[in-house]
Amino acid sequence: DDGTLTVYTEPALLEEVRERLEALGRNVQSAEIARVPTNTVMIEDREQAEKLIRMMDMLEDNDDVQNTWSNFDFSPEIAGELS
């Protein structure tokens, strides 16, 4: 809705794609390598969801951890309960 576009490319092409977008006059807000899952696991159990959230929070709070990724997603019911 806000005109933001997400572009995915091979890691080796990241800088080239960023440079070309900027050459076209596009404002690049972020250009980074990230792990994107090819499949996700749906979490439908509230207790399991809470454990996963706590684990991710602990990892993100650890000074030795630079980035975190996951391949889980919460069912709409669980997401509504956790928010």
PDB file of N, CA and C in Angstrom:
ATOM      1  N   ASP A   1       0.803  -1.198   0.000  1.00  0.00           N
ATOM      2  CA  ASP A   1       0.000   0.000   0.000  1.00  0.00           C
ATOM      3  C   ASP A   1       0.851   1.269   0.000  1.00  0.00           C
ATOM      4  N   ASP A   2       2.027   1.197   0.613  1.00  0.00           N
ATOM      5  CA  ASP A   2       2.861   2.393   0.721  1.00  0.00           C
ATOM      6  C   ASP A   2       3.876   2.519  -0.407  1.00  0.00           C
ATOM      7  N   GLY A   3       3.800   1.639  -1.401  1.00  0.00           N
ATOM      8  CA  GLY A   3       4.711   1.726  -2.531  1.00  0.00           C
ATOM      9  C   GLY A   3       6.023   0.997  -2.319  1.00  0.00           C
ATOM     10  N   THR A   4       6.174   0.330  -1.180  1.00  0.00           N
ATOM     11  CA  THR A   4       7.393  -0.417  -0.902  1.00  0.00           C
ATOM     12  C   THR A   4       7.396  -1.707  -1.702  1.00  0.00           C
ATOM     13  N   LEU A   5       8.550  -2.047  -2.235  1.00  0.00           N
ATOM     14  CA  LEU A   5       8.708  -3.252  -3.036  1.00  0.00           C
ATOM     15  C   LEU A   5       9.831  -4.078  -2.445  1.00  0.00           C
ATOM     16  N   THR A   6       9.614  -5.370  -2.284  1.00  0.00           N
ATOM     17  CA  THR A   6      10.651  -6.277  -1.811  1.00  0.00           C
ATOM     18  C   THR A   6      11.180  -7.051  -3.000  1.00  0.00           C
ATOM     19  N   VAL A   7      12.499  -7.043  -3.161  1.00  0.00           N
ATOM     20  CA  VAL A   7      13.143  -7.716  -4.285  1.00  0.00           C
ATOM     21  C   VAL A   7      14.021  -8.831  -3.738  1.00  0.00           C
ATOM     22  N   TYR A   8      13.884 -10.020  -4.311  1.00  0.00           N
ATOM     23  CA  TYR A   8      14.721 -11.153  -3.936  1.00  0.00           C
ATOM     24  C   TYR A   8      15.659 -11.461  -5.084  1.00  0.00           C
ATOM     25  N   THR A   9      16.913 -11.770  -4.754  1.00  0.00           N
ATOM     26  CA  THR A   9      17.894 -12.117  -5.762  1.00  0.00           C
ATOM     27  C   THR A   9      18.903 -13.079  -5.161  1.00  0.00           C
ATOM     28  N   GLU A  10      19.736 -13.634  -5.988  1.00  0.00           N
ATOM     29  CA  GLU A  10      20.815 -14.489  -5.502  1.00  0.00           C
ATOM     30  C   GLU A  10      21.792 -13.628  -4.704  1.00  0.00           C
ATOM     31  N   PRO A  11      22.377 -14.172  -3.637  1.00  0.00           N
ATOM     32  CA  PRO A  11      23.311 -13.382  -2.823  1.00  0.00           C
ATOM     33  C   PRO A  11      24.450 -12.763  -3.632  1.00  0.00           C
ATOM     34  N   ALA A  12      24.945 -13.465  -4.619  1.00  0.00           N
ATOM     35  CA  ALA A  12      26.064 -12.956  -5.414  1.00  0.00           C
ATOM     36  C   ALA A  12      25.672 -11.725  -6.237  1.00  0.00           C
ATOM     37  N   LEU A  13      24.378 -11.539  -6.490  1.00  0.00           N
ATOM     38  CA  LEU A  13      23.902 -10.420  -7.300  1.00  0.00           C
ATOM     39  C   LEU A  13      23.384  -9.255  -6.473  1.00  0.00           C
ATOM     40  N   LEU A  14      23.468  -9.351  -5.161  1.00  0.00           N
ATOM     41  CA  LEU A  14      22.874  -8.350  -4.281  1.00  0.00           C
ATOM     42  C   LEU A  14      23.354  -6.934  -4.597  1.00  0.00           C
ATOM     43  N   GLU A  15      24.642  -6.727  -4.630  1.00  0.00           N
ATOM     44  CA  GLU A  15      25.176  -5.375  -4.870  1.00  0.00           C
ATOM     45  C   GLU A  15      24.815  -4.862  -6.260  1.00  0.00           C
ATOM     46  N   GLU A  16      24.877  -5.732  -7.245  1.00  0.00           N
ATOM     47  CA  GLU A  16      24.530  -5.317  -8.609  1.00  0.00           C
ATOM     48  C   GLU A  16      23.072  -4.887  -8.694  1.00  0.00           C
ATOM     49  N   VAL A  17      22.172  -5.635  -8.092  1.00  0.00           N
ATOM     50  CA  VAL A  17      20.743  -5.294  -8.112  1.00  0.00           C
ATOM     51  C   VAL A  17      20.519  -3.980  -7.368  1.00  0.00           C
ATOM     52  N   ARG A  18      21.153  -3.813  -6.205  1.00  0.00           N
ATOM     53  CA  ARG A  18      21.011  -2.565  -5.444  1.00  0.00           C
ATOM     54  C   ARG A  18      21.479  -1.376  -6.267  1.00  0.00           C
ATOM     55  N   GLU A  19      22.642  -1.514  -6.902  1.00  0.00           N
ATOM     56  CA  GLU A  19      23.184  -0.424  -7.709  1.00  0.00           C
ATOM     57  C   GLU A  19      22.271  -0.085  -8.885  1.00  0.00           C
ATOM     58  N   ARG A  20      21.715  -1.097  -9.527  1.00  0.00           N
ATOM     59  CA  ARG A  20      20.828  -0.847 -10.668  1.00  0.00           C
ATOM     60  C   ARG A  20      19.535  -0.159 -10.233  1.00  0.00           C
ATOM     61  N   LEU A  21      18.998  -0.572  -9.095  1.00  0.00           N
ATOM     62  CA  LEU A  21      17.784   0.084  -8.588  1.00  0.00           C
ATOM     63  C   LEU A  21      18.065   1.553  -8.273  1.00  0.00           C
ATOM     64  N   GLU A  22      19.200   1.814  -7.644  1.00  0.00           N
ATOM     65  CA  GLU A  22      19.558   3.206  -7.335  1.00  0.00           C
ATOM     66  C   GLU A  22      19.790   3.997  -8.610  1.00  0.00           C
ATOM     67  N   ALA A  23      20.375   3.368  -9.634  1.00  0.00           N
ATOM     68  CA  ALA A  23      20.595   4.051 -10.913  1.00  0.00           C
ATOM     69  C   ALA A  23      19.268   4.410 -11.588  1.00  0.00           C
ATOM     70  N   LEU A  24      18.227   3.635 -11.289  1.00  0.00           N
ATOM     71  CA  LEU A  24      16.894   3.926 -11.821  1.00  0.00           C
ATOM     72  C   LEU A  24      16.157   4.967 -10.986  1.00  0.00           C
ATOM     73  N   GLY A  25      16.838   5.467  -9.946  1.00  0.00           N
ATOM     74  CA  GLY A  25      16.231   6.492  -9.106  1.00  0.00           C
ATOM     75  C   GLY A  25      15.380   5.947  -7.975  1.00  0.00           C
ATOM     76  N   ARG A  26      15.508   4.671  -7.704  1.00  0.00           N
ATOM     77  CA  ARG A  26      14.739   4.054  -6.613  1.00  0.00           C
ATOM     78  C   ARG A  26      15.473   4.223  -5.293  1.00  0.00           C
ATOM     79  N   ASN A  27      14.727   4.481  -4.233  1.00  0.00           N
ATOM     80  CA  ASN A  27      15.287   4.605  -2.894  1.00  0.00           C
ATOM     81  C   ASN A  27      15.390   3.212  -2.284  1.00  0.00           C
ATOM     82  N   VAL A  28      16.605   2.737  -2.051  1.00  0.00           N
ATOM     83  CA  VAL A  28      16.812   1.418  -1.464  1.00  0.00           C
ATOM     84  C   VAL A  28      16.913   1.591   0.046  1.00  0.00           C
ATOM     85  N   GLN A  29      15.908   1.116   0.764  1.00  0.00           N
ATOM     86  CA  GLN A  29      15.878   1.252   2.223  1.00  0.00           C
ATOM     87  C   GLN A  29      16.795   0.255   2.897  1.00  0.00           C
ATOM     88  N   SER A  30      16.931  -0.921   2.319  1.00  0.00           N
ATOM     89  CA  SER A  30      17.731  -1.977   2.929  1.00  0.00           C
ATOM     90  C   SER A  30      18.184  -2.930   1.840  1.00  0.00           C
ATOM     91  N   ALA A  31      19.408  -3.420   1.964  1.00  0.00           N
ATOM     92  CA  ALA A  31      19.930  -4.443   1.054  1.00  0.00           C
ATOM     93  C   ALA A  31      20.749  -5.396   1.907  1.00  0.00           C
ATOM     94  N   GLU A  32      20.210  -6.577   2.121  1.00  0.00           N
ATOM     95  CA  GLU A  32      20.892  -7.519   3.002  1.00  0.00           C
ATOM     96  C   GLU A  32      20.622  -8.948   2.579  1.00  0.00           C
ATOM     97  N   ILE A  33      21.516  -9.826   2.984  1.00  0.00           N
ATOM     98  CA  ILE A  33      21.343 -11.245   2.738  1.00  0.00           C
ATOM     99  C   ILE A  33      20.543 -11.820   3.901  1.00  0.00           C
ATOM    100  N   ALA A  34      19.487 -12.528   3.572  1.00  0.00           N
ATOM    101  CA  ALA A  34      18.630 -13.142   4.589  1.00  0.00           C
ATOM    102  C   ALA A  34      18.256 -14.545   4.131  1.00  0.00           C
ATOM    103  N   ARG A  35      17.985 -15.375   5.077  1.00  0.00           N
ATOM    104  CA  ARG A  35      17.524 -16.736   4.774  1.00  0.00           C
ATOM    105  C   ARG A  35      15.999 -16.707   4.687  1.00  0.00           C
ATOM    106  N   VAL A  36      15.486 -17.151   3.565  1.00  0.00           N
ATOM    107  CA  VAL A  36      14.041 -17.188   3.343  1.00  0.00           C
ATOM    108  C   VAL A  36      13.644 -18.659   3.218  1.00  0.00           C
ATOM    109  N   PRO A  37      12.760 -19.147   4.085  1.00  0.00           N
ATOM    110  CA  PRO A  37      12.403 -20.572   4.037  1.00  0.00           C
ATOM    111  C   PRO A  37      11.641 -20.928   2.770  1.00  0.00           C
ATOM    112  N   THR A  38      11.902 -22.134   2.273  1.00  0.00           N
ATOM    113  CA  THR A  38      11.158 -22.615   1.113  1.00  0.00           C
ATOM    114  C   THR A  38       9.864 -23.298   1.547  1.00  0.00           C
ATOM    115  N   ASN A  39       9.796 -23.691   2.820  1.00  0.00           N
ATOM    116  CA  ASN A  39       8.554 -24.226   3.365  1.00  0.00           C
ATOM    117  C   ASN A  39       8.427 -23.765   4.813  1.00  0.00           C
ATOM    118  N   THR A  40       7.217 -23.685   5.299  1.00  0.00           N
ATOM    119  CA  THR A  40       6.994 -23.253   6.675  1.00  0.00           C
ATOM    120  C   THR A  40       6.259 -24.340   7.442  1.00  0.00           C
ATOM    121  N   VAL A  41       6.404 -24.275   8.747  1.00  0.00           N
ATOM    122  CA  VAL A  41       5.725 -25.205   9.645  1.00  0.00           C
ATOM    123  C   VAL A  41       4.664 -24.418  10.402  1.00  0.00           C
ATOM    124  N   MET A  42       3.422 -24.845  10.289  1.00  0.00           N
ATOM    125  CA  MET A  42       2.321 -24.171  10.964  1.00  0.00           C
ATOM    126  C   MET A  42       2.252 -24.644  12.411  1.00  0.00           C
ATOM    127  N   ILE A  43       2.303 -23.693  13.331  1.00  0.00           N
ATOM    128  CA  ILE A  43       2.218 -23.993  14.756  1.00  0.00           C
ATOM    129  C   ILE A  43       0.789 -23.729  15.208  1.00  0.00           C
ATOM    130  N   GLU A  44       0.139 -24.764  15.708  1.00  0.00           N
ATOM    131  CA  GLU A  44      -1.254 -24.640  16.129  1.00  0.00           C
ATOM    132  C   GLU A  44      -1.438 -24.882  17.621  1.00  0.00           C
ATOM    133  N   ASP A  45      -0.355 -25.229  18.315  1.00  0.00           N
ATOM    134  CA  ASP A  45      -0.411 -25.488  19.747  1.00  0.00           C
ATOM    135  C   ASP A  45       0.113 -24.260  20.491  1.00  0.00           C
ATOM    136  N   ARG A  46      -0.700 -23.714  21.384  1.00  0.00           N
ATOM    137  CA  ARG A  46      -0.332 -22.486  22.100  1.00  0.00           C
ATOM    138  C   ARG A  46       0.941 -22.664  22.925  1.00  0.00           C
ATOM    139  N   GLU A  47       1.070 -23.776  23.626  1.00  0.00           N
ATOM    140  CA  GLU A  47       2.252 -24.010  24.462  1.00  0.00           C
ATOM    141  C   GLU A  47       3.523 -24.065  23.609  1.00  0.00           C
ATOM    142  N   GLN A  48       3.451 -24.747  22.486  1.00  0.00           N
ATOM    143  CA  GLN A  48       4.601 -24.820  21.583  1.00  0.00           C
ATOM    144  C   GLN A  48       4.928 -23.431  21.031  1.00  0.00           C
ATOM    145  N   ALA A  49       3.914 -22.663  20.691  1.00  0.00           N
ATOM    146  CA  ALA A  49       4.123 -21.306  20.172  1.00  0.00           C
ATOM    147  C   ALA A  49       4.825 -20.439  21.214  1.00  0.00           C
ATOM    148  N   GLU A  50       4.396 -20.523  22.462  1.00  0.00           N
ATOM    149  CA  GLU A  50       5.022 -19.730  23.519  1.00  0.00           C
ATOM    150  C   GLU A  50       6.482 -20.118  23.715  1.00  0.00           C
ATOM    151  N   LYS A  51       6.772 -21.424  23.644  1.00  0.00           N
ATOM    152  CA  LYS A  51       8.153 -21.892  23.778  1.00  0.00           C
ATOM    153  C   LYS A  51       9.022 -21.372  22.632  1.00  0.00           C
ATOM    154  N   LEU A  52       8.482 -21.402  21.421  1.00  0.00           N
ATOM    155  CA  LEU A  52       9.240 -20.909  20.269  1.00  0.00           C
ATOM    156  C   LEU A  52       9.524 -19.414  20.383  1.00  0.00           C
ATOM    157  N   ILE A  53       8.533 -18.663  20.836  1.00  0.00           N
ATOM    158  CA  ILE A  53       8.721 -17.221  21.002  1.00  0.00           C
ATOM    159  C   ILE A  53       9.779 -16.941  22.064  1.00  0.00           C
ATOM    160  N   ARG A  54       9.720 -17.663  23.181  1.00  0.00           N
ATOM    161  CA  ARG A  54      10.733 -17.488  24.230  1.00  0.00           C
ATOM    162  C   ARG A  54      12.129 -17.828  23.713  1.00  0.00           C
ATOM    163  N   MET A  55      12.235 -18.930  22.941  1.00  0.00           N
ATOM    164  CA  MET A  55      13.523 -19.326  22.394  1.00  0.00           C
ATOM    165  C   MET A  55      14.065 -18.255  21.446  1.00  0.00           C
ATOM    166  N   MET A  56      13.218 -17.743  20.557  1.00  0.00           N
ATOM    167  CA  MET A  56      13.665 -16.708  19.619  1.00  0.00           C
ATOM    168  C   MET A  56      14.072 -15.442  20.379  1.00  0.00           C
ATOM    169  N   ASP A  57      13.319 -15.078  21.409  1.00  0.00           N
ATOM    170  CA  ASP A  57      13.679 -13.906  22.218  1.00  0.00           C
ATOM    171  C   ASP A  57      15.034 -14.102  22.884  1.00  0.00           C
ATOM    172  N   MET A  58      15.289 -15.306  23.414  1.00  0.00           N
ATOM    173  CA  MET A  58      16.575 -15.582  24.063  1.00  0.00           C
ATOM    174  C   MET A  58      17.717 -15.489  23.059  1.00  0.00           C
ATOM    175  N   LEU A  59      17.514 -16.020  21.866  1.00  0.00           N
ATOM    176  CA  LEU A  59      18.550 -15.950  20.841  1.00  0.00           C
ATOM    177  C   LEU A  59      18.821 -14.504  20.435  1.00  0.00           C
ATOM    178  N   GLU A  60      17.768 -13.736  20.217  1.00  0.00           N
ATOM    179  CA  GLU A  60      17.927 -12.344  19.789  1.00  0.00           C
ATOM    180  C   GLU A  60      18.564 -11.484  20.869  1.00  0.00           C
ATOM    181  N   ASP A  61      18.361 -11.829  22.144  1.00  0.00           N
ATOM    182  CA  ASP A  61      18.960 -11.078  23.248  1.00  0.00           C
ATOM    183  C   ASP A  61      20.416 -11.446  23.493  1.00  0.00           C
ATOM    184  N   ASN A  62      20.881 -12.552  22.923  1.00  0.00           N
ATOM    185  CA  ASN A  62      22.250 -13.007  23.111  1.00  0.00           C
ATOM    186  C   ASN A  62      23.193 -12.139  22.276  1.00  0.00           C
ATOM    187  N   ASP A  63      24.190 -11.552  22.914  1.00  0.00           N
ATOM    188  CA  ASP A  63      25.127 -10.664  22.221  1.00  0.00           C
ATOM    189  C   ASP A  63      25.937 -11.382  21.145  1.00  0.00           C
ATOM    190  N   ASP A  64      26.092 -12.696  21.263  1.00  0.00           N
ATOM    191  CA  ASP A  64      26.873 -13.450  20.282  1.00  0.00           C
ATOM    192  C   ASP A  64      26.071 -13.805  19.031  1.00  0.00           C
ATOM    193  N   VAL A  65      24.765 -13.590  19.059  1.00  0.00           N
ATOM    194  CA  VAL A  65      23.900 -13.915  17.922  1.00  0.00           C
ATOM    195  C   VAL A  65      23.664 -12.642  17.120  1.00  0.00           C
ATOM    196  N   GLN A  66      23.997 -12.702  15.830  1.00  0.00           N
ATOM    197  CA  GLN A  66      23.843 -11.522  14.984  1.00  0.00           C
ATOM    198  C   GLN A  66      22.492 -11.484  14.279  1.00  0.00           C
ATOM    199  N   ASN A  67      22.012 -12.617  13.794  1.00  0.00           N
ATOM    200  CA  ASN A  67      20.741 -12.684  13.074  1.00  0.00           C
ATOM    201  C   ASN A  67      20.016 -13.969  13.448  1.00  0.00           C
ATOM    202  N   THR A  68      18.713 -13.935  13.356  1.00  0.00           N
ATOM    203  CA  THR A  68      17.915 -15.145  13.562  1.00  0.00           C
ATOM    204  C   THR A  68      16.904 -15.265  12.431  1.00  0.00           C
ATOM    205  N   TRP A  69      16.628 -16.505  12.062  1.00  0.00           N
ATOM    206  CA  TRP A  69      15.614 -16.807  11.063  1.00  0.00           C
ATOM    207  C   TRP A  69      14.818 -17.995  11.552  1.00  0.00           C
ATOM    208  N   SER A  70      13.631 -18.139  11.050  1.00  0.00           N
ATOM    209  CA  SER A  70      12.817 -19.302  11.404  1.00  0.00           C
ATOM    210  C   SER A  70      11.922 -19.672  10.229  1.00  0.00           C
ATOM    211  N   ASN A  71      11.376 -20.863  10.288  1.00  0.00           N
ATOM    212  CA  ASN A  71      10.450 -21.287   9.236  1.00  0.00           C
ATOM    213  C   ASN A  71       9.096 -21.658   9.825  1.00  0.00           C
ATOM    214  N   PHE A  72       8.769 -21.129  11.008  1.00  0.00           N
ATOM    215  CA  PHE A  72       7.462 -21.423  11.574  1.00  0.00           C
ATOM    216  C   PHE A  72       6.528 -20.239  11.412  1.00  0.00           C
ATOM    217  N   ASP A  73       5.249 -20.565  11.402  1.00  0.00           N
ATOM    218  CA  ASP A  73       4.194 -19.567  11.310  1.00  0.00           C
ATOM    219  C   ASP A  73       3.101 -20.007  12.276  1.00  0.00           C
ATOM    220  N   PHE A  74       2.349 -19.061  12.786  1.00  0.00           N
ATOM    221  CA  PHE A  74       1.305 -19.382  13.745  1.00  0.00           C
ATOM    222  C   PHE A  74      -0.053 -19.382  13.067  1.00  0.00           C
ATOM    223  N   SER A  75      -0.897 -20.317  13.498  1.00  0.00           N
ATOM    224  CA  SER A  75      -2.270 -20.328  12.988  1.00  0.00           C
ATOM    225  C   SER A  75      -2.941 -19.025  13.414  1.00  0.00           C
ATOM    226  N   PRO A  76      -3.949 -18.579  12.695  1.00  0.00           N
ATOM    227  CA  PRO A  76      -4.629 -17.327  13.055  1.00  0.00           C
ATOM    228  C   PRO A  76      -5.144 -17.320  14.496  1.00  0.00           C
ATOM    229  N   GLU A  77      -5.620 -18.461  14.975  1.00  0.00           N
ATOM    230  CA  GLU A  77      -6.131 -18.543  16.341  1.00  0.00           C
ATOM    231  C   GLU A  77      -5.010 -18.282  17.352  1.00  0.00           C
ATOM    232  N   ILE A  78      -3.865 -18.934  17.149  1.00  0.00           N
ATOM    233  CA  ILE A  78      -2.722 -18.777  18.057  1.00  0.00           C
ATOM    234  C   ILE A  78      -2.176 -17.356  17.965  1.00  0.00           C
ATOM    235  N   ALA A  79      -2.057 -16.837  16.758  1.00  0.00           N
ATOM    236  CA  ALA A  79      -1.533 -15.472  16.584  1.00  0.00           C
ATOM    237  C   ALA A  79      -2.420 -14.474  17.308  1.00  0.00           C
ATOM    238  N   GLY A  80      -3.730 -14.670  17.254  1.00  0.00           N
ATOM    239  CA  GLY A  80      -4.654 -13.771  17.956  1.00  0.00           C
ATOM    240  C   GLY A  80      -4.516 -13.867  19.460  1.00  0.00           C
ATOM    241  N   GLU A  81      -4.265 -15.053  19.983  1.00  0.00           N
ATOM    242  CA  GLU A  81      -4.104 -15.245  21.415  1.00  0.00           C
ATOM    243  C   GLU A  81      -2.791 -14.652  21.921  1.00  0.00           C
ATOM    244  N   LEU A  82      -1.756 -14.697  21.098  1.00  0.00           N
ATOM    245  CA  LEU A  82      -0.424 -14.240  21.527  1.00  0.00           C
ATOM    246  C   LEU A  82      -0.232 -12.744  21.405  1.00  0.00           C
ATOM    247  N   SER A  83      -1.040 -12.082  20.594  1.00  0.00           N
ATOM    248  CA  SER A  83      -0.828 -10.640  20.407  1.00  0.00           C
ATOM    249  C   SER A  83      -1.476  -9.806  21.479  1.00  0.00           C
TER     250      SER A  83
END
